[in-house]
C-alpha atoms as a PDB file:
ATOM      1  CA  UNK A   1      41.384-150.083-102.764  1.00  0.00           C
ATOM      2  CA  UNK A   2      42.139-153.290-104.612  1.00  0.00           C
ATOM      3  CA  UNK A   3      45.109-153.210-106.971  1.00  0.00           C
ATOM      4  CA  UNK A   4      44.874-156.845-108.171  1.00  0.00           C
ATOM      5  CA  UNK A   5      48.487-157.653-107.291  1.00  0.00           C
ATOM      6  CA  UNK A   6      49.719-154.783-109.492  1.00  0.00           C
ATOM      7  CA  UNK A   7      52.867-153.590-107.691  1.00  0.00           C
ATOM      8  CA  UNK A   8      53.233-150.445-109.826  1.00  0.00           C
ATOM      9  CA  UNK A   9      49.631-149.433-109.073  1.00  0.00           C
ATOM     10  CA  UNK A  10      50.105-150.126-105.360  1.00  0.00           C
ATOM     11  CA  UNK A  11      53.295-148.048-105.297  1.00  0.00           C
ATOM     12  CA  UNK A  12      51.595-145.280-107.276  1.00  0.00           C
ATOM     13  CA  UNK A  13      48.777-145.123-104.735  1.00  0.00           C
ATOM     14  CA  UNK A  14      51.311-145.050-101.919  1.00  0.00           C
ATOM     15  CA  UNK A  15      53.234-142.230-103.618  1.00  0.00           C
ATOM     16  CA  UNK A  16      50.043-140.246-104.086  1.00  0.00           C
ATOM     17  CA  UNK A  17      49.136-140.667-100.421  1.00  0.00           C
ATOM     18  CA  UNK A  18      52.605-139.721 -99.174  1.00  0.00           C
ATOM     19  CA  UNK A  19      52.676-136.694-101.484  1.00  0.00           C
ATOM     20  CA  UNK A  20      49.321-135.575-100.090  1.00  0.00           C
ATOM     21  CA  UNK A  21      50.656-135.874 -96.556  1.00  0.00           C
ATOM     22  CA  UNK A  22      53.754-133.870 -97.510  1.00  0.00           C
ATOM     23  CA  UNK A  23      51.615-131.079 -98.962  1.00  0.00           C
ATOM     24  CA  UNK A  24      49.501-131.002 -95.802  1.00  0.00           C
ATOM     25  CA  UNK A  25      52.681-130.837 -93.687  1.00  0.00           C
ATOM     26  CA  UNK A  26      53.906-127.841 -95.679  1.00  0.00           C
ATOM     27  CA  UNK A  27      50.537-126.086 -95.356  1.00  0.00           C
ATOM     28  CA  UNK A  28      50.219-126.811 -91.623  1.00  0.00           C
ATOM     29  CA  UNK A  29      53.797-125.906 -90.635  1.00  0.00           C
ATOM     30  CA  UNK A  30      53.750-122.986 -88.180  1.00  0.00           C
ATOM     31  CA  UNK A  31      56.751-123.278 -85.882  1.00  0.00           C
ATOM     32  CA  UNK A  32      58.901-121.277 -85.755  1.00  0.00           C
ATOM     33  CA  UNK A  33      56.656-118.421 -86.829  1.00  0.00           C
ATOM     34  CA  UNK A  34      57.805-115.768 -89.253  1.00  0.00           C
ATOM     35  CA  UNK A  35      59.374-112.623 -87.897  1.00  0.00           C
ATOM     36  CA  UNK A  36      57.171-109.523 -88.072  1.00  0.00           C
ATOM     37  CA  UNK A  37      59.413-108.122 -90.827  1.00  0.00           C
ATOM     38  CA  UNK A  38      58.899-111.302 -92.884  1.00  0.00           C
ATOM     39  CA  UNK A  39      55.141-111.168 -92.389  1.00  0.00           C
ATOM     40  CA  UNK A  40      55.158-107.547 -93.569  1.00  0.00           C
ATOM     41  CA  UNK A  41      57.170-108.505 -96.666  1.00  0.00           C
ATOM     42  CA  UNK A  42      55.139-111.622 -97.540  1.00  0.00           C
ATOM     43  CA  UNK A  43      51.761-110.309 -96.430  1.00  0.00           C
ATOM     44  CA  UNK A  44      50.975-113.541 -94.584  1.00  0.00           C
ATOM     45  CA  UNK A  45      52.334-115.465 -91.606  1.00  0.00           C
ATOM     46  CA  UNK A  46      52.938-118.800 -93.309  1.00  0.00           C
ATOM     47  CA  UNK A  47      56.553-119.950 -92.783  1.00  0.00           C
ATOM     48  CA  UNK A  48      56.815-122.428 -95.667  1.00  0.00           C
ATOM     49  CA  UNK A  49      54.469-120.835 -98.203  1.00  0.00           C
ATOM     50  CA  UNK A  50      55.496-117.761-100.136  1.00  0.00           C
ATOM     51  CA  UNK A  51      55.292-118.179-103.889  1.00  0.00           C
ATOM     52  CA  UNK A  52      53.861-121.717-103.865  1.00  0.00           C
ATOM     53  CA  UNK A  53      56.960-123.181-105.510  1.00  0.00           C
ATOM     54  CA  UNK A  54      57.477-125.749-102.741  1.00  0.00           C
ATOM     55  CA  UNK A  55      53.871-126.938-102.922  1.00  0.00           C
ATOM     56  CA  UNK A  56      53.975-127.227-106.706  1.00  0.00           C
ATOM     57  CA  UNK A  57      57.340-128.992-106.525  1.00  0.00           C
ATOM     58  CA  UNK A  58      56.153-132.080-104.683  1.00  0.00           C
ATOM     59  CA  UNK A  59      55.515-135.140-106.804  1.00  0.00           C
ATOM     60  CA  UNK A  60      56.155-138.851-107.064  1.00  0.00           C
ATOM     61  CA  UNK A  61      56.841-141.346-109.795  1.00  0.00           C
ATOM     62  CA  UNK A  62      57.191-145.068-110.145  1.00  0.00           C
ATOM     63  CA  UNK A  63      60.323-146.241-111.944  1.00  0.00           C
ATOM     64  CA  UNK A  64      59.304-149.567-113.458  1.00  0.00           C
ATOM     65  CA  UNK A  65      62.831-150.156-114.736  1.00  0.00           C
ATOM     66  CA  UNK A  66      64.161-150.034-111.199  1.00  0.00           C
ATOM     67  CA  UNK A  67      67.058-147.700-111.924  1.00  0.00           C
ATOM     68  CA  UNK A  68      66.284-145.575-108.880  1.00  0.00           C
ATOM     69  CA  UNK A  69      67.332-142.452-110.774  1.00  0.00           C
END
């Protein structure tokens, strides 16, 4: 995708792509598996997904001022 030498747009696209990969990593994580007692409590055998807080907590932002904060 062309960004016409717009560094902020290029970095935004990169952040979006990396965030998507992070979400996929969380969803696909399986090792080590949950203990049977954890599966019984959660109702599913998904080590990193319980309430969805981690998945909803991933994001990115471009800091045009360059403060890095």
